[in-house]
Amino acid sequence: MDTEEEAPSSSRPWSARRPQSLFLSVIFIVVAAALVWQAFDYIGRGMGGVVPYLLVVGGPVLAGYYVWYFNIRDFEADEPGRTPST
């Protein structure tokens, strides 16, 4: 008789499980804040052309996407044969 039990299979990647998802979300929020801070510094000094303006928008958008990906996205809906609930 086999005494080992199989771990429950989950379609969520390791990085999207708790507490990793919260830790990675905080990291992305800190990186977005640093990018925006640096962009405003460049804008204040008159350096960088259009790149700092792209960082002001792109930093928070990137962080928002990964916070959604790690914490809100329904990975189980991507499984074949499963219909999304409404």
PDB file of N, CA and C in Angstrom:
ATOM      1  N   MET A   1       0.843  -1.170   0.000  1.00  0.00           N
ATOM      2  CA  MET A   1       0.000   0.000   0.000  1.00  0.00           C
ATOM      3  C   MET A   1       0.887   1.232   0.000  1.00  0.00           C
ATOM      4  N   ASP A   2       0.545   2.204  -0.799  1.00  0.00           N
ATOM      5  CA  ASP A   2       1.313   3.432  -0.915  1.00  0.00           C
ATOM      6  C   ASP A   2       0.864   4.407   0.179  1.00  0.00           C
ATOM      7  N   THR A   3       1.808   4.850   0.999  1.00  0.00           N
ATOM      8  CA  THR A   3       1.459   5.742   2.106  1.00  0.00           C
ATOM      9  C   THR A   3       1.609   7.214   1.752  1.00  0.00           C
ATOM     10  N   GLU A   4       2.241   7.507   0.622  1.00  0.00           N
ATOM     11  CA  GLU A   4       2.421   8.897   0.223  1.00  0.00           C
ATOM     12  C   GLU A   4       1.147   9.422  -0.414  1.00  0.00           C
ATOM     13  N   GLU A   5       0.790  10.642  -0.024  1.00  0.00           N
ATOM     14  CA  GLU A   5      -0.360  11.295  -0.631  1.00  0.00           C
ATOM     15  C   GLU A   5       0.150  12.310  -1.636  1.00  0.00           C
ATOM     16  N   GLU A   6      -0.585  12.408  -2.719  1.00  0.00           N
ATOM     17  CA  GLU A   6      -0.201  13.375  -3.731  1.00  0.00           C
ATOM     18  C   GLU A   6      -0.660  14.761  -3.301  1.00  0.00           C
ATOM     19  N   ALA A   7       0.179  15.730  -3.600  1.00  0.00           N
ATOM     20  CA  ALA A   7      -0.189  17.115  -3.298  1.00  0.00           C
ATOM     21  C   ALA A   7      -1.313  17.540  -4.232  1.00  0.00           C
ATOM     22  N   PRO A   8      -2.227  18.350  -3.736  1.00  0.00           N
ATOM     23  CA  PRO A   8      -3.307  18.794  -4.609  1.00  0.00           C
ATOM     24  C   PRO A   8      -2.750  19.587  -5.782  1.00  0.00           C
ATOM     25  N   SER A   9      -3.228  19.258  -6.949  1.00  0.00           N
ATOM     26  CA  SER A   9      -2.728  19.955  -8.128  1.00  0.00           C
ATOM     27  C   SER A   9      -3.456  21.290  -8.260  1.00  0.00           C
ATOM     28  N   SER A  10      -2.695  22.285  -8.566  1.00  0.00           N
ATOM     29  CA  SER A  10      -3.239  23.623  -8.737  1.00  0.00           C
ATOM     30  C   SER A  10      -2.686  24.181 -10.032  1.00  0.00           C
ATOM     31  N   SER A  11      -3.528  24.895 -10.742  1.00  0.00           N
ATOM     32  CA  SER A  11      -3.065  25.477 -11.990  1.00  0.00           C
ATOM     33  C   SER A  11      -2.402  26.835 -11.753  1.00  0.00           C
ATOM     34  N   ARG A  12      -2.403  27.311 -10.508  1.00  0.00           N
ATOM     35  CA  ARG A  12      -1.729  28.570 -10.189  1.00  0.00           C
ATOM     36  C   ARG A  12      -0.228  28.335 -10.141  1.00  0.00           C
ATOM     37  N   PRO A  13       0.547  29.191 -10.800  1.00  0.00           N
ATOM     38  CA  PRO A  13       1.999  29.066 -10.705  1.00  0.00           C
ATOM     39  C   PRO A  13       2.477  29.378  -9.285  1.00  0.00           C
ATOM     40  N   TRP A  14       3.657  28.933  -8.973  1.00  0.00           N
ATOM     41  CA  TRP A  14       4.217  29.131  -7.638  1.00  0.00           C
ATOM     42  C   TRP A  14       4.210  30.602  -7.249  1.00  0.00           C
ATOM     43  N   SER A  15       4.565  31.476  -8.179  1.00  0.00           N
ATOM     44  CA  SER A  15       4.675  32.904  -7.872  1.00  0.00           C
ATOM     45  C   SER A  15       3.329  33.564  -7.610  1.00  0.00           C
ATOM     46  N   ALA A  16       2.234  32.911  -7.980  1.00  0.00           N
ATOM     47  CA  ALA A  16       0.906  33.494  -7.779  1.00  0.00           C
ATOM     48  C   ALA A  16       0.211  32.928  -6.546  1.00  0.00           C
ATOM     49  N   ARG A  17       0.908  32.135  -5.757  1.00  0.00           N
ATOM     50  CA  ARG A  17       0.340  31.596  -4.517  1.00  0.00           C
ATOM     51  C   ARG A  17       0.750  32.479  -3.348  1.00  0.00           C
ATOM     52  N   ARG A  18      -0.020  32.424  -2.274  1.00  0.00           N
ATOM     53  CA  ARG A  18       0.309  33.194  -1.065  1.00  0.00           C
ATOM     54  C   ARG A  18       1.460  32.527  -0.352  1.00  0.00           C
ATOM     55  N   PRO A  19       2.351  33.157   0.274  1.00  0.00           N
ATOM     56  CA  PRO A  19       2.607  34.586   0.440  1.00  0.00           C
ATOM     57  C   PRO A  19       3.498  35.168  -0.656  1.00  0.00           C
ATOM     58  N   GLN A  20       3.945  34.323  -1.589  1.00  0.00           N
ATOM     59  CA  GLN A  20       4.825  34.809  -2.656  1.00  0.00           C
ATOM     60  C   GLN A  20       4.164  35.933  -3.451  1.00  0.00           C
ATOM     61  N   SER A  21       2.870  35.795  -3.739  1.00  0.00           N
ATOM     62  CA  SER A  21       2.196  36.798  -4.555  1.00  0.00           C
ATOM     63  C   SER A  21       2.194  38.157  -3.870  1.00  0.00           C
ATOM     64  N   LEU A  22       1.990  38.175  -2.565  1.00  0.00           N
ATOM     65  CA  LEU A  22       1.996  39.448  -1.842  1.00  0.00           C
ATOM     66  C   LEU A  22       3.395  40.054  -1.821  1.00  0.00           C
ATOM     67  N   PHE A  23       4.395  39.228  -1.595  1.00  0.00           N
ATOM     68  CA  PHE A  23       5.776  39.698  -1.567  1.00  0.00           C
ATOM     69  C   PHE A  23       6.185  40.268  -2.927  1.00  0.00           C
ATOM     70  N   LEU A  24       5.872  39.558  -4.008  1.00  0.00           N
ATOM     71  CA  LEU A  24       6.230  40.033  -5.342  1.00  0.00           C
ATOM     72  C   LEU A  24       5.450  41.293  -5.713  1.00  0.00           C
ATOM     73  N   SER A  25       4.204  41.387  -5.274  1.00  0.00           N
ATOM     74  CA  SER A  25       3.417  42.592  -5.539  1.00  0.00           C
ATOM     75  C   SER A  25       4.037  43.809  -4.864  1.00  0.00           C
ATOM     76  N   VAL A  26       4.474  43.644  -3.626  1.00  0.00           N
ATOM     77  CA  VAL A  26       5.116  44.750  -2.916  1.00  0.00           C
ATOM     78  C   VAL A  26       6.398  45.157  -3.636  1.00  0.00           C
ATOM     79  N   ILE A  27       7.159  44.179  -4.109  1.00  0.00           N
ATOM     80  CA  ILE A  27       8.390  44.490  -4.845  1.00  0.00           C
ATOM     81  C   ILE A  27       8.079  45.297  -6.104  1.00  0.00           C
ATOM     82  N   PHE A  28       7.060  44.898  -6.859  1.00  0.00           N
ATOM     83  CA  PHE A  28       6.718  45.629  -8.085  1.00  0.00           C
ATOM     84  C   PHE A  28       6.199  47.032  -7.780  1.00  0.00           C
ATOM     85  N   ILE A  29       5.475  47.202  -6.688  1.00  0.00           N
ATOM     86  CA  ILE A  29       5.003  48.537  -6.317  1.00  0.00           C
ATOM     87  C   ILE A  29       6.179  49.430  -5.937  1.00  0.00           C
ATOM     88  N   VAL A  30       7.155  48.885  -5.206  1.00  0.00           N
ATOM     89  CA  VAL A  30       8.341  49.653  -4.836  1.00  0.00           C
ATOM     90  C   VAL A  30       9.145  50.023  -6.085  1.00  0.00           C
ATOM     91  N   VAL A  31       9.287  49.092  -7.017  1.00  0.00           N
ATOM     92  CA  VAL A  31      10.018  49.380  -8.262  1.00  0.00           C
ATOM     93  C   VAL A  31       9.290  50.461  -9.060  1.00  0.00           C
ATOM     94  N   ALA A  32       7.957  50.401  -9.121  1.00  0.00           N
ATOM     95  CA  ALA A  32       7.195  51.426  -9.845  1.00  0.00           C
ATOM     96  C   ALA A  32       7.386  52.794  -9.199  1.00  0.00           C
ATOM     97  N   ALA A  33       7.352  52.852  -7.875  1.00  0.00           N
ATOM     98  CA  ALA A  33       7.564  54.120  -7.186  1.00  0.00           C
ATOM     99  C   ALA A  33       8.968  54.662  -7.456  1.00  0.00           C
ATOM    100  N   ALA A  34       9.960  53.781  -7.474  1.00  0.00           N
ATOM    101  CA  ALA A  34      11.337  54.208  -7.763  1.00  0.00           C
ATOM    102  C   ALA A  34      11.461  54.728  -9.193  1.00  0.00           C
ATOM    103  N   LEU A  35      10.802  54.072 -10.137  1.00  0.00           N
ATOM    104  CA  LEU A  35      10.848  54.539 -11.528  1.00  0.00           C
ATOM    105  C   LEU A  35      10.212  55.914 -11.675  1.00  0.00           C
ATOM    106  N   VAL A  36       9.079  56.113 -11.026  1.00  0.00           N
ATOM    107  CA  VAL A  36       8.403  57.405 -11.105  1.00  0.00           C
ATOM    108  C   VAL A  36       9.247  58.481 -10.431  1.00  0.00           C
ATOM    109  N   TRP A  37       9.830  58.163  -9.281  1.00  0.00           N
ATOM    110  CA  TRP A  37      10.687  59.113  -8.580  1.00  0.00           C
ATOM    111  C   TRP A  37      11.860  59.521  -9.466  1.00  0.00           C
ATOM    112  N   GLN A  38      12.501  58.546 -10.078  1.00  0.00           N
ATOM    113  CA  GLN A  38      13.642  58.836 -10.949  1.00  0.00           C
ATOM    114  C   GLN A  38      13.200  59.631 -12.174  1.00  0.00           C
ATOM    115  N   ALA A  39      12.045  59.319 -12.715  1.00  0.00           N
ATOM    116  CA  ALA A  39      11.542  60.052 -13.880  1.00  0.00           C
ATOM    117  C   ALA A  39      11.297  61.516 -13.524  1.00  0.00           C
ATOM    118  N   PHE A  40      10.687  61.781 -12.370  1.00  0.00           N
ATOM    119  CA  PHE A  40      10.461  63.168 -11.966  1.00  0.00           C
ATOM    120  C   PHE A  40      11.782  63.898 -11.712  1.00  0.00           C
ATOM    121  N   ASP A  41      12.768  63.180 -11.227  1.00  0.00           N
ATOM    122  CA  ASP A  41      14.084  63.777 -11.044  1.00  0.00           C
ATOM    123  C   ASP A  41      14.677  64.180 -12.394  1.00  0.00           C
ATOM    124  N   TYR A  42      14.587  63.289 -13.382  1.00  0.00           N
ATOM    125  CA  TYR A  42      15.081  63.619 -14.724  1.00  0.00           C
ATOM    126  C   TYR A  42      14.307  64.770 -15.346  1.00  0.00           C
ATOM    127  N   ILE A  43      12.994  64.772 -15.163  1.00  0.00           N
ATOM    128  CA  ILE A  43      12.175  65.858 -15.718  1.00  0.00           C
ATOM    129  C   ILE A  43      12.563  67.178 -15.063  1.00  0.00           C
ATOM    130  N   GLY A  44      12.791  67.164 -13.764  1.00  0.00           N
ATOM    131  CA  GLY A  44      13.180  68.381 -13.050  1.00  0.00           C
ATOM    132  C   GLY A  44      14.523  68.922 -13.506  1.00  0.00           C
ATOM    133  N   ARG A  45      15.426  68.032 -13.880  1.00  0.00           N
ATOM    134  CA  ARG A  45      16.750  68.456 -14.359  1.00  0.00           C
ATOM    135  C   ARG A  45      16.755  68.747 -15.863  1.00  0.00           C
ATOM    136  N   GLY A  46      15.657  68.442 -16.549  1.00  0.00           N
ATOM    137  CA  GLY A  46      15.597  68.680 -17.992  1.00  0.00           C
ATOM    138  C   GLY A  46      16.373  67.666 -18.798  1.00  0.00           C
ATOM    139  N   MET A  47      16.509  66.444 -18.275  1.00  0.00           N
ATOM    140  CA  MET A  47      17.279  65.397 -18.955  1.00  0.00           C
ATOM    141  C   MET A  47      16.342  64.313 -19.477  1.00  0.00           C
ATOM    142  N   GLY A  48      16.798  63.571 -20.470  1.00  0.00           N
ATOM    143  CA  GLY A  48      16.148  62.336 -20.869  1.00  0.00           C
ATOM    144  C   GLY A  48      15.132  62.413 -21.976  1.00  0.00           C
ATOM    145  N   GLY A  49      14.704  63.578 -22.366  1.00  0.00           N
ATOM    146  CA  GLY A  49      13.741  63.668 -23.458  1.00  0.00           C
ATOM    147  C   GLY A  49      12.392  63.083 -23.092  1.00  0.00           C
ATOM    148  N   VAL A  50      11.909  62.155 -23.901  1.00  0.00           N
ATOM    149  CA  VAL A  50      10.582  61.569 -23.704  1.00  0.00           C
ATOM    150  C   VAL A  50      10.603  60.377 -22.736  1.00  0.00           C
ATOM    151  N   VAL A  51      11.750  59.792 -22.505  1.00  0.00           N
ATOM    152  CA  VAL A  51      11.850  58.586 -21.676  1.00  0.00           C
ATOM    153  C   VAL A  51      11.305  58.794 -20.262  1.00  0.00           C
ATOM    154  N   PRO A  52      11.640  59.881 -19.562  1.00  0.00           N
ATOM    155  CA  PRO A  52      11.065  60.050 -18.224  1.00  0.00           C
ATOM    156  C   PRO A  52       9.537  60.111 -18.231  1.00  0.00           C
ATOM    157  N   TYR A  53       8.964  60.709 -19.250  1.00  0.00           N
ATOM    158  CA  TYR A  53       7.503  60.782 -19.336  1.00  0.00           C
ATOM    159  C   TYR A  53       6.910  59.389 -19.546  1.00  0.00           C
ATOM    160  N   LEU A  54       7.595  58.563 -20.300  1.00  0.00           N
ATOM    161  CA  LEU A  54       7.143  57.183 -20.474  1.00  0.00           C
ATOM    162  C   LEU A  54       7.266  56.400 -19.172  1.00  0.00           C
ATOM    163  N   LEU A  55       8.301  56.675 -18.382  1.00  0.00           N
ATOM    164  CA  LEU A  55       8.467  56.000 -17.098  1.00  0.00           C
ATOM    165  C   LEU A  55       7.380  56.405 -16.102  1.00  0.00           C
ATOM    166  N   VAL A  56       6.951  57.662 -16.142  1.00  0.00           N
ATOM    167  CA  VAL A  56       5.886  58.112 -15.246  1.00  0.00           C
ATOM    168  C   VAL A  56       4.615  57.323 -15.499  1.00  0.00           C
ATOM    169  N   VAL A  57       4.344  56.992 -16.743  1.00  0.00           N
ATOM    170  CA  VAL A  57       3.149  56.217 -17.086  1.00  0.00           C
ATOM    171  C   VAL A  57       3.433  54.719 -16.998  1.00  0.00           C
ATOM    172  N   GLY A  58       4.565  54.293 -17.523  1.00  0.00           N
ATOM    173  CA  GLY A  58       4.868  52.864 -17.635  1.00  0.00           C
ATOM    174  C   GLY A  58       5.140  52.168 -16.317  1.00  0.00           C
ATOM    175  N   GLY A  59       5.756  52.839 -15.369  1.00  0.00           N
ATOM    176  CA  GLY A  59       6.056  52.227 -14.078  1.00  0.00           C
ATOM    177  C   GLY A  59       4.796  51.749 -13.360  1.00  0.00           C
ATOM    178  N   PRO A  60       3.829  52.631 -13.123  1.00  0.00           N
ATOM    179  CA  PRO A  60       2.593  52.200 -12.455  1.00  0.00           C
ATOM    180  C   PRO A  60       1.770  51.201 -13.276  1.00  0.00           C
ATOM    181  N   VAL A  61       1.784  51.329 -14.599  1.00  0.00           N
ATOM    182  CA  VAL A  61       1.046  50.375 -15.428  1.00  0.00           C
ATOM    183  C   VAL A  61       1.648  48.985 -15.284  1.00  0.00           C
ATOM    184  N   LEU A  62       2.958  48.890 -15.318  1.00  0.00           N
ATOM    185  CA  LEU A  62       3.641  47.613 -15.154  1.00  0.00           C
ATOM    186  C   LEU A  62       3.364  47.007 -13.776  1.00  0.00           C
ATOM    187  N   ALA A  63       3.457  47.827 -12.743  1.00  0.00           N
ATOM    188  CA  ALA A  63       3.174  47.343 -11.389  1.00  0.00           C
ATOM    189  C   ALA A  63       1.713  46.903 -11.267  1.00  0.00           C
ATOM    190  N   GLY A  64       0.799  47.670 -11.832  1.00  0.00           N
ATOM    191  CA  GLY A  64      -0.622  47.310 -11.785  1.00  0.00           C
ATOM    192  C   GLY A  64      -0.892  45.985 -12.467  1.00  0.00           C
ATOM    193  N   TYR A  65      -0.245  45.758 -13.604  1.00  0.00           N
ATOM    194  CA  TYR A  65      -0.434  44.496 -14.316  1.00  0.00           C
ATOM    195  C   TYR A  65       0.021  43.309 -13.460  1.00  0.00           C
ATOM    196  N   TYR A  66       1.195  43.423 -12.862  1.00  0.00           N
ATOM    197  CA  TYR A  66       1.707  42.299 -12.080  1.00  0.00           C
ATOM    198  C   TYR A  66       0.962  42.096 -10.771  1.00  0.00           C
ATOM    199  N   VAL A  67       0.467  43.159 -10.163  1.00  0.00           N
ATOM    200  CA  VAL A  67      -0.380  42.993  -8.985  1.00  0.00           C
ATOM    201  C   VAL A  67      -1.645  42.236  -9.378  1.00  0.00           C
ATOM    202  N   TRP A  68      -2.243  42.598 -10.517  1.00  0.00           N
ATOM    203  CA  TRP A  68      -3.415  41.872 -11.018  1.00  0.00           C
ATOM    204  C   TRP A  68      -3.054  40.415 -11.312  1.00  0.00           C
ATOM    205  N   TYR A  69      -1.932  40.192 -11.992  1.00  0.00           N
ATOM    206  CA  TYR A  69      -1.524  38.846 -12.381  1.00  0.00           C
ATOM    207  C   TYR A  69      -1.307  37.949 -11.169  1.00  0.00           C
ATOM    208  N   PHE A  70      -0.603  38.466 -10.159  1.00  0.00           N
ATOM    209  CA  PHE A  70      -0.272  37.637  -9.003  1.00  0.00           C
ATOM    210  C   PHE A  70      -1.439  37.456  -8.039  1.00  0.00           C
ATOM    211  N   ASN A  71      -2.360  38.408  -7.948  1.00  0.00           N
ATOM    212  CA  ASN A  71      -3.373  38.368  -6.904  1.00  0.00           C
ATOM    213  C   ASN A  71      -4.813  38.211  -7.383  1.00  0.00           C
ATOM    214  N   ILE A  72      -5.141  38.682  -8.567  1.00  0.00           N
ATOM    215  CA  ILE A  72      -6.538  38.724  -8.984  1.00  0.00           C
ATOM    216  C   ILE A  72      -6.854  37.754 -10.112  1.00  0.00           C
ATOM    217  N   ARG A  73      -5.930  37.503 -11.006  1.00  0.00           N
ATOM    218  CA  ARG A  73      -6.172  36.670 -12.189  1.00  0.00           C
ATOM    219  C   ARG A  73      -6.667  35.282 -11.797  1.00  0.00           C
ATOM    220  N   ASP A  74      -7.643  34.786 -12.546  1.00  0.00           N
ATOM    221  CA  ASP A  74      -8.217  33.467 -12.295  1.00  0.00           C
ATOM    222  C   ASP A  74      -7.525  32.453 -13.205  1.00  0.00           C
ATOM    223  N   PHE A  75      -6.508  31.789 -12.667  1.00  0.00           N
ATOM    224  CA  PHE A  75      -5.741  30.823 -13.448  1.00  0.00           C
ATOM    225  C   PHE A  75      -6.573  29.585 -13.771  1.00  0.00           C
ATOM    226  N   GLU A  76      -7.516  29.263 -12.910  1.00  0.00           N
ATOM    227  CA  GLU A  76      -8.340  28.077 -13.128  1.00  0.00           C
ATOM    228  C   GLU A  76      -9.235  28.238 -14.357  1.00  0.00           C
ATOM    229  N   ALA A  77      -9.545  29.469 -14.738  1.00  0.00           N
ATOM    230  CA  ALA A  77     -10.384  29.706 -15.921  1.00  0.00           C
ATOM    231  C   ALA A  77      -9.645  29.341 -17.207  1.00  0.00           C
ATOM    232  N   ASP A  78      -8.324  29.264 -17.154  1.00  0.00           N
ATOM    233  CA  ASP A  78      -7.537  28.914 -18.334  1.00  0.00           C
ATOM    234  C   ASP A  78      -7.461  27.413 -18.584  1.00  0.00           C
ATOM    235  N   GLU A  79      -7.971  26.622 -17.643  1.00  0.00           N
ATOM    236  CA  GLU A  79      -7.910  25.179 -17.803  1.00  0.00           C
ATOM    237  C   GLU A  79      -8.829  24.735 -18.932  1.00  0.00           C
ATOM    238  N   PRO A  80      -8.386  23.776 -19.766  1.00  0.00           N
ATOM    239  CA  PRO A  80      -9.245  23.296 -20.842  1.00  0.00           C
ATOM    240  C   PRO A  80     -10.460  22.564 -20.279  1.00  0.00           C
ATOM    241  N   GLY A  81     -11.588  22.779 -20.874  1.00  0.00           N
ATOM    242  CA  GLY A  81     -12.798  22.089 -20.466  1.00  0.00           C
ATOM    243  C   GLY A  81     -13.563  22.794 -19.363  1.00  0.00           C
ATOM    244  N   ARG A  82     -13.054  23.883 -18.861  1.00  0.00           N
ATOM    245  CA  ARG A  82     -13.745  24.613 -17.805  1.00  0.00           C
ATOM    246  C   ARG A  82     -14.358  25.871 -18.390  1.00  0.00           C
ATOM    247  N   THR A  83     -15.624  26.063 -18.095  1.00  0.00           N
ATOM    248  CA  THR A  83     -16.279  27.270 -18.562  1.00  0.00           C
ATOM    249  C   THR A  83     -16.187  28.330 -17.472  1.00  0.00           C
ATOM    250  N   PRO A  84     -15.876  29.566 -17.841  1.00  0.00           N
ATOM    251  CA  PRO A  84     -15.771  30.612 -16.820  1.00  0.00           C
ATOM    252  C   PRO A  84     -17.129  30.890 -16.192  1.00  0.00           C
ATOM    253  N   SER A  85     -17.114  31.129 -14.887  1.00  0.00           N
ATOM    254  CA  SER A  85     -18.372  31.446 -14.199  1.00  0.00           C
ATOM    255  C   SER A  85     -18.728  32.898 -14.427  1.00  0.00           C
ATOM    256  N   THR A  86     -20.010  33.154 -14.468  1.00  0.00           N
ATOM    257  CA  THR A  86     -20.468  34.518 -14.704  1.00  0.00           C
ATOM    258  C   THR A  86     -21.095  35.104 -13.478  1.00  0.00           C
TER     259      THR A  86
END
